[in-house]
């Protein structure tokens, strides 16, 4: 030190502890900032449809002669499905304006649900290209609403789950 004495062990330990605290705080700040501004998409839970999956049940609902379809997995009584109807109407309208060849298919879990969902869509002005029944378990659809962009071979190109925020809605529209 300046007075010619050597630093004590306590002084050295205090300095090391302070440096360690500063390093830990810097790492924590980095992680918090990264997660806040660059959140990672959560990985799909086991048994849920995911990008890259090959699913025969989804292939079966793609209209004949179509290369790709946006499958809207819906169920009657699902308030998130009902709340999403204005976006689905906009999605179909914008798809039509773009002249996109992606077909929009409303998929429901059972024949008896088909009539109920058709009424909800009709009341909202949503007119998909077709309505199909779909075994949600076979299609790995864990909840509704779920949007699945799929090709005619049953390969999942993208997936969106739940009532979408504005950012996710833009991603869906861009995918058409």
Protein backbone atom coordinates (compact mmCIF):
# COMPACT_ATOMS: atom_id res chain seq x y z
CA UNK A 1 0.00 0.00 0.00
CA UNK A 2 1.04 3.65 -0.05
CA UNK A 3 2.36 3.51 3.51
CA UNK A 4 4.61 0.56 2.61
CA UNK A 5 2.50 -2.15 4.20
CA UNK A 6 1.14 -5.13 2.36
CA UNK A 7 -2.61 -5.45 1.89
CA UNK A 8 -4.28 -7.55 4.54
CA UNK A 9 -6.11 -10.77 3.75
CA UNK A 10 -9.39 -9.08 4.73
CA UNK A 11 -8.78 -6.26 2.27
CA UNK A 12 -7.97 -8.76 -0.50
CA UNK A 13 -11.07 -10.81 0.28
CA UNK A 14 -13.24 -7.69 0.31
CA UNK A 15 -11.88 -6.65 -3.08
CA UNK A 16 -12.44 -10.15 -4.55
CA UNK A 17 -15.98 -10.26 -3.13
CA UNK A 18 -16.78 -6.84 -4.61
CA UNK A 19 -15.47 -7.91 -8.01
CA UNK A 20 -17.51 -11.13 -7.85
CA UNK A 21 -20.68 -9.17 -6.98
CA UNK A 22 -20.08 -6.78 -9.89
CA UNK A 23 -19.57 -9.71 -12.32
CA UNK A 24 -22.75 -11.48 -11.09
CA UNK A 25 -24.75 -8.25 -11.40
CA UNK A 26 -23.45 -7.67 -14.92
CA UNK A 27 -24.40 -11.20 -15.96
CA UNK A 28 -27.85 -10.86 -14.38
CA UNK A 29 -28.41 -7.51 -16.12
CA UNK A 30 -27.36 -9.01 -19.46
CA UNK A 31 -29.75 -11.96 -19.04
CA UNK A 32 -32.67 -9.73 -17.99
CA UNK A 33 -32.11 -7.33 -20.89
CA UNK A 34 -31.75 -10.19 -23.40
CA UNK A 35 -34.94 -11.88 -22.17
CA UNK A 36 -36.87 -8.61 -22.15
CA UNK A 37 -35.95 -7.48 -25.64
CA UNK A 38 -35.16 -10.80 -27.35
CA UNK A 39 -37.46 -13.41 -25.79
CA UNK A 40 -36.94 -16.94 -27.02
CA UNK A 41 -39.98 -18.80 -28.29
CA UNK A 42 -40.88 -21.44 -25.76
CA UNK A 43 -40.14 -24.95 -26.95
CA UNK A 44 -43.24 -27.00 -27.76
CA UNK A 45 -44.39 -29.21 -24.96
CA UNK A 46 -44.10 -32.94 -25.63
CA UNK A 47 -47.00 -34.09 -27.79
CA UNK A 48 -47.72 -30.63 -29.23
CA UNK A 49 -47.56 -29.82 -32.90
CA UNK A 50 -44.27 -28.17 -33.84
CA UNK A 51 -42.61 -26.74 -36.92
CA UNK A 52 -41.07 -29.55 -38.98
CA UNK A 53 -43.46 -32.27 -37.76
CA UNK A 54 -44.93 -34.59 -40.39
CA UNK A 55 -48.59 -35.20 -39.43
CA UNK A 56 -50.89 -37.36 -41.55
CA UNK A 57 -54.04 -36.03 -39.85
CA UNK A 58 -53.17 -32.51 -41.02
CA UNK A 59 -52.31 -33.69 -44.52
CA UNK A 60 -55.84 -35.09 -44.81
CA UNK A 61 -57.49 -31.68 -44.27
CA UNK A 62 -55.43 -29.85 -46.92
CA UNK A 63 -57.81 -29.35 -49.87
CA UNK A 64 -56.98 -31.43 -52.95
CA UNK A 65 -54.75 -29.58 -55.42
CA UNK A 66 -53.45 -27.15 -52.77
CA UNK A 67 -49.78 -26.82 -51.94
CA UNK A 68 -50.34 -25.26 -48.50
CA UNK A 69 -53.16 -24.67 -46.06
CA UNK A 70 -53.59 -22.67 -42.90
CA UNK A 71 -55.51 -24.94 -40.57
CA UNK A 72 -57.44 -23.10 -37.87
CA UNK A 73 -58.09 -25.60 -35.05
CA UNK A 74 -61.17 -24.27 -33.27
CA UNK A 75 -63.70 -25.55 -30.80
CA UNK A 76 -67.16 -24.32 -29.82
CA UNK A 77 -67.23 -22.77 -26.38
CA UNK A 78 -63.62 -21.58 -26.69
CA UNK A 79 -63.82 -17.86 -25.91
CA UNK A 80 -60.30 -17.32 -27.31
CA UNK A 81 -61.57 -18.75 -30.63
CA UNK A 82 -64.56 -16.40 -30.58
CA UNK A 83 -62.34 -13.45 -29.61
CA UNK A 84 -60.02 -14.29 -32.53
CA UNK A 85 -62.76 -14.24 -35.19
CA UNK A 86 -62.14 -10.59 -36.23
CA UNK A 87 -58.49 -11.47 -36.94
CA UNK A 88 -59.51 -14.61 -38.89
CA UNK A 89 -61.86 -12.49 -41.02
CA UNK A 90 -59.04 -10.00 -41.66
CA UNK A 91 -56.66 -12.86 -42.41
CA UNK A 92 -58.97 -14.31 -45.08
CA UNK A 93 -59.68 -10.85 -46.54
CA UNK A 94 -55.96 -10.02 -46.78
CA UNK A 95 -55.17 -13.45 -48.21
CA UNK A 96 -57.79 -12.85 -50.91
CA UNK A 97 -56.40 -9.37 -51.66
CA UNK A 98 -52.86 -10.75 -52.00
CA UNK A 99 -54.07 -13.51 -54.31
CA UNK A 100 -52.29 -16.08 -52.14
CA UNK A 101 -52.91 -19.73 -52.96
CA UNK A 102 -52.83 -20.77 -49.27
CA UNK A 103 -56.18 -22.34 -48.43
CA UNK A 104 -57.79 -21.58 -45.08
CA UNK A 105 -59.36 -24.60 -43.39
CA UNK A 106 -61.39 -24.40 -40.20
CA UNK A 107 -60.85 -27.65 -38.31
CA UNK A 108 -63.13 -28.73 -35.47
CA UNK A 109 -62.84 -31.74 -33.16
CA UNK A 110 -66.06 -33.59 -33.98
CA UNK A 111 -69.01 -33.62 -36.35
CA UNK A 112 -71.39 -32.23 -33.71
CA UNK A 113 -69.00 -29.33 -33.09
CA UNK A 114 -68.93 -28.49 -36.79
CA UNK A 115 -72.42 -26.93 -36.79
CA UNK A 116 -71.70 -24.79 -33.73
CA UNK A 117 -68.41 -23.53 -35.09
CA UNK A 118 -69.98 -22.79 -38.49
CA UNK A 119 -72.53 -20.52 -36.76
CA UNK A 120 -69.83 -18.68 -34.80
CA UNK A 121 -67.80 -18.12 -37.98
CA UNK A 122 -70.85 -17.07 -40.01
CA UNK A 123 -71.88 -14.58 -37.31
CA UNK A 124 -68.36 -13.08 -37.46
CA UNK A 125 -68.27 -13.02 -41.28
CA UNK A 126 -65.44 -15.58 -41.40
CA UNK A 127 -65.59 -17.70 -44.55
CA UNK A 128 -62.84 -20.33 -44.69
CA UNK A 129 -62.26 -22.29 -47.88
CA UNK A 130 -63.44 -25.43 -46.12
CA UNK A 131 -64.45 -26.85 -42.75
CA UNK A 132 -63.17 -30.25 -41.69
CA UNK A 133 -63.35 -32.47 -38.66
CA UNK A 134 -59.98 -33.23 -37.15
CA UNK A 135 -58.81 -35.57 -34.41
CA UNK A 136 -56.90 -33.00 -32.36
CA UNK A 137 -54.92 -35.68 -30.54
CA UNK A 138 -53.66 -37.21 -33.81
CA UNK A 139 -52.86 -33.72 -35.12
CA UNK A 140 -51.02 -32.91 -31.86
CA UNK A 141 -53.27 -29.90 -31.23
CA UNK A 142 -53.21 -29.42 -27.47
CA UNK A 143 -55.48 -26.38 -27.27
CA UNK A 144 -57.60 -23.97 -29.24
CA UNK A 145 -57.27 -21.80 -31.10
CA UNK A 146 -54.22 -23.16 -32.89
CA UNK A 147 -53.16 -22.08 -36.37
CA UNK A 148 -51.02 -24.55 -38.30
CA UNK A 149 -49.48 -23.74 -41.67
CA UNK A 150 -49.05 -27.12 -43.35
CA UNK A 151 -48.04 -28.31 -46.82
CA UNK A 152 -49.82 -30.95 -48.88
CA UNK A 153 -47.46 -33.63 -47.53
CA UNK A 154 -48.48 -32.93 -43.93
CA UNK A 155 -45.28 -31.10 -42.98
CA UNK A 156 -45.86 -28.34 -40.44
CA UNK A 157 -44.35 -25.10 -41.76
CA UNK A 158 -45.31 -22.94 -38.77
CA UNK A 159 -47.56 -22.93 -35.70
CA UNK A 160 -49.29 -20.22 -33.66
CA UNK A 161 -51.19 -21.08 -30.47
CA UNK A 162 -53.81 -19.09 -28.59
CA UNK A 163 -55.28 -15.66 -29.12
CA UNK A 164 -52.51 -13.88 -30.95
CA UNK A 165 -51.01 -10.52 -30.14
CA UNK A 166 -50.46 -7.96 -32.89
CA UNK A 167 -46.88 -9.09 -33.54
CA UNK A 168 -47.92 -12.73 -34.00
CA UNK A 169 -50.83 -11.71 -36.22
CA UNK A 170 -48.37 -9.92 -38.50
CA UNK A 171 -46.24 -13.09 -38.70
CA UNK A 172 -49.28 -15.13 -39.72
CA UNK A 173 -50.26 -12.61 -42.40
CA UNK A 174 -46.69 -12.54 -43.71
CA UNK A 175 -46.65 -16.36 -43.97
CA UNK A 176 -49.59 -16.35 -46.38
